[in-house]
Structure formats: structure tokens, C-alpha cells
Protein backbone atom coordinates (compact mmCIF):
# COMPACT_ATOMS: atom_id res chain seq x y z
CA MET A 1 20.44 -20.32 -56.40
CA SER A 2 23.14 -22.10 -58.38
CA ASP A 3 22.32 -22.99 -61.95
CA SER A 4 25.37 -25.18 -62.36
CA THR A 5 26.50 -28.59 -61.27
CA SER A 6 29.51 -28.97 -58.99
CA ALA A 7 31.66 -32.13 -58.99
CA GLU A 8 34.60 -32.91 -56.75
CA TYR A 9 36.74 -36.08 -56.67
CA LYS A 10 38.96 -37.06 -53.75
CA ASP A 11 40.34 -40.39 -52.53
CA GLY A 12 37.97 -42.63 -54.48
CA VAL A 13 34.84 -40.57 -53.77
CA LEU A 14 33.07 -38.39 -56.30
CA THR A 15 30.60 -35.84 -54.91
CA VAL A 16 28.20 -34.09 -57.27
CA THR A 17 25.80 -31.33 -56.14
CA ARG A 18 23.23 -29.04 -57.67
CA LEU A 19 20.41 -26.86 -56.39
CA TYR A 20 17.12 -27.31 -58.26
CA ASN A 21 14.17 -24.94 -58.37
CA ALA A 22 11.68 -27.71 -57.56
CA PRO A 23 10.09 -29.31 -54.48
CA ARG A 24 11.99 -32.18 -52.89
CA ALA A 25 9.23 -34.74 -53.59
CA ASP A 26 9.29 -33.89 -57.31
CA VAL A 27 13.07 -34.20 -57.55
CA PHE A 28 13.07 -37.50 -55.64
CA ASP A 29 10.31 -38.81 -57.91
CA ALA A 30 12.36 -37.93 -60.99
CA TRP A 31 15.03 -40.35 -59.71
CA MET A 32 12.66 -43.17 -58.72
CA ASN A 33 9.92 -43.07 -61.39
CA THR A 34 10.98 -45.20 -64.36
CA GLN A 35 9.05 -43.16 -66.93
CA LYS A 36 10.56 -39.89 -65.68
CA MET A 37 14.05 -41.33 -65.40
CA ASN A 38 13.90 -42.45 -69.02
CA GLN A 39 13.31 -38.83 -70.05
CA TRP A 40 16.37 -37.25 -68.45
CA TYR A 41 18.94 -39.79 -67.25
CA GLY A 42 22.35 -40.21 -68.82
CA PRO A 43 25.23 -37.97 -69.80
CA GLU A 44 25.33 -35.79 -72.88
CA GLY A 45 25.19 -37.93 -76.01
CA THR A 46 22.64 -40.35 -74.57
CA VAL A 47 19.85 -40.89 -77.11
CA GLU A 48 17.74 -43.43 -75.20
CA VAL A 49 17.46 -44.76 -71.67
CA LYS A 50 15.69 -47.92 -70.53
CA SER A 51 15.36 -48.02 -66.76
CA ASP A 52 14.14 -50.74 -64.44
CA ILE A 53 13.54 -49.34 -60.97
CA GLU A 54 12.01 -51.22 -58.05
CA ALA A 55 11.55 -48.33 -55.61
CA ASN A 56 12.01 -50.15 -52.32
CA LEU A 57 14.73 -51.45 -50.03
CA GLY A 58 16.39 -54.38 -51.79
CA GLY A 59 14.90 -53.38 -55.13
CA LYS A 60 16.65 -53.21 -58.50
CA TYR A 61 18.08 -49.93 -59.81
CA ALA A 62 19.14 -50.56 -63.41
CA HIS A 63 19.68 -48.51 -66.54
CA GLU A 64 20.62 -49.18 -70.13
CA MET A 65 21.89 -46.09 -71.92
CA ILE A 66 22.18 -45.99 -75.69
CA PHE A 67 24.57 -43.35 -77.02
CA GLU A 68 24.93 -41.61 -80.35
CA GLY A 69 26.65 -44.10 -82.63
CA GLY A 70 24.91 -47.06 -80.99
CA ARG A 71 27.24 -47.71 -78.04
CA VAL A 72 25.36 -49.24 -75.10
CA HIS A 73 26.23 -48.89 -71.41
CA LYS A 74 24.41 -50.91 -68.76
CA SER A 75 24.51 -50.41 -65.03
CA GLN A 76 22.65 -52.29 -62.33
CA GLY A 77 22.51 -52.11 -58.59
CA THR A 78 20.51 -53.04 -55.53
CA ILE A 79 18.85 -50.37 -53.41
CA ILE A 80 20.46 -50.50 -49.94
CA GLU A 81 18.84 -47.37 -48.47
CA TYR A 82 15.38 -46.06 -49.23
CA ASP A 83 14.06 -43.05 -47.28
CA PRO A 84 11.65 -41.09 -49.52
CA PRO A 85 11.88 -38.22 -50.23
CA ALA A 86 15.12 -37.62 -48.29
CA ALA A 87 17.59 -40.15 -49.73
CA PHE A 88 18.29 -43.42 -51.41
CA ALA A 89 21.44 -45.43 -52.09
CA TYR A 90 22.35 -48.38 -54.22
CA ARG A 91 25.31 -50.71 -54.53
CA SER A 92 26.56 -51.46 -58.03
CA GLU A 93 29.28 -53.52 -59.63
CA GLY A 94 32.13 -51.53 -61.12
CA PRO A 95 34.04 -52.13 -64.32
CA GLY A 96 36.23 -54.84 -62.79
CA PRO A 97 34.97 -58.15 -61.35
CA ASP A 98 35.94 -57.20 -57.79
CA ASP A 99 34.86 -53.55 -58.00
CA VAL A 100 31.91 -52.50 -55.88
CA MET A 101 30.57 -48.97 -55.90
CA THR A 102 28.02 -47.28 -53.68
CA ILE A 103 25.97 -44.37 -54.96
CA ARG A 104 23.99 -42.34 -52.41
CA VAL A 105 21.68 -39.50 -53.41
CA GLU A 106 20.39 -37.00 -50.83
CA PHE A 107 17.53 -34.54 -51.41
CA ILE A 108 17.84 -31.57 -49.04
CA GLU A 109 15.07 -28.98 -48.80
CA GLN A 110 16.22 -25.39 -49.04
CA GLY A 111 13.03 -23.34 -48.93
CA SER A 112 11.08 -24.20 -52.08
CA ASN A 113 14.26 -25.53 -53.73
CA THR A 114 16.06 -28.86 -53.43
CA LEU A 115 19.77 -29.45 -53.10
CA VAL A 116 20.78 -32.83 -54.54
CA ARG A 117 24.03 -34.33 -53.30
CA LEU A 118 25.26 -37.52 -54.95
CA THR A 119 28.15 -39.39 -53.36
CA HIS A 120 29.72 -42.07 -55.57
CA GLU A 121 32.19 -44.23 -53.63
CA GLY A 122 34.66 -46.73 -55.08
CA VAL A 123 35.69 -44.66 -58.09
CA SER A 124 39.28 -44.96 -59.32
CA GLU A 125 41.08 -41.86 -60.59
CA GLN A 126 40.96 -43.24 -64.12
CA MET A 127 37.24 -43.97 -63.86
CA ALA A 128 36.56 -40.52 -62.37
CA GLN A 129 37.63 -38.95 -65.67
CA PHE A 130 34.55 -40.52 -67.28
CA VAL A 131 32.13 -40.68 -64.34
CA SER A 132 32.47 -37.05 -63.22
CA PRO A 133 31.38 -35.48 -66.52
CA ALA A 134 28.75 -38.21 -66.95
CA TRP A 135 27.06 -37.39 -63.63
CA SER A 136 27.43 -33.65 -64.26
CA GLY A 137 25.75 -34.03 -67.65
CA ALA A 138 22.91 -36.04 -66.13
CA PHE A 139 22.42 -33.42 -63.39
CA ASP A 140 22.24 -30.72 -66.07
CA LYS A 141 19.66 -32.75 -68.03
CA LEU A 142 17.62 -33.20 -64.84
CA ALA A 143 17.47 -29.40 -64.47
CA GLY A 144 15.95 -29.11 -67.94
CA PHE A 145 13.50 -31.93 -67.26
CA LEU A 146 12.31 -30.37 -63.97
CA GLN A 147 11.94 -26.96 -65.62
CA SER A 148 9.78 -28.39 -68.42
CA SER A 149 7.63 -30.58 -66.15
């Protein structure tokens, strides 16, 4: 089992994967349960997360991350695919007014473990320099959260 997060960027698509030593339903729930998400979400340097998740097709998927030093980053999307515990996806506005990004997260059973594959589409090369380590950091924090749960 891999204990590290893998990230690859190509042609506007960032793919992040990691194998977790946890059942698929538990890993999916960590992404869709607001209270759990607030405990692990965000890249390194995140000191607080406030999530608003409506776990259904058409529901809201929003997060406010507060970083060391007080910087705040907000993201919000609409759930466009909801297939528990196998996958979900949401569409989110990007940094520019015409930017639209799609984030799809798959939860693949591998014995008693779960492979998570996140595909983030609509990412510019410049944005990938921030987004790739941010997702990798969040995936690493999820590993710690699942281990302590």
C-alpha cells in the first residue's frame, strides 16, 4: 500500500491519487460529512475550515479555509454527480470570471483499502503550481484523520 500522495498535471487536468487503509464508505463520508471535512480539509497551513455541504445532486459544496496569518480562501461549487460511496463531482468557478473547473473524486475499493482518485479539470499551468501541492497536502491530512478516527 502506498503511504504517499501522487499528483500529475497534464493539459489542464490535475490528477491526484492515494491509497487509504480504510473502508470506502468511511473515506467517502470524510468528504461528504461537514463535521469530518472541517477536521481535515485544506492544504498545509490551514488553521480552520468552515464547510457547507449539501450531499445530494445539485447540492452546494463550499469551503472557507483560514490560513496561518489570517488569509482566507473560499471555494464553492454545485454537486453535478452523486453516487455514494463510489464517486461525486462538483463544478466550481475558477479564479477568473469565465473560468469553470470540474472536480471529480472516485473511491475505488481495493480489498479493505480505498484508492481515491481526484480529477481536477480546467486548471491552468500557473494555477497548477498552487493547486497541486494544495490537494496533495489535503490528501496527506486525510490520511492522518482516517488513521485517528
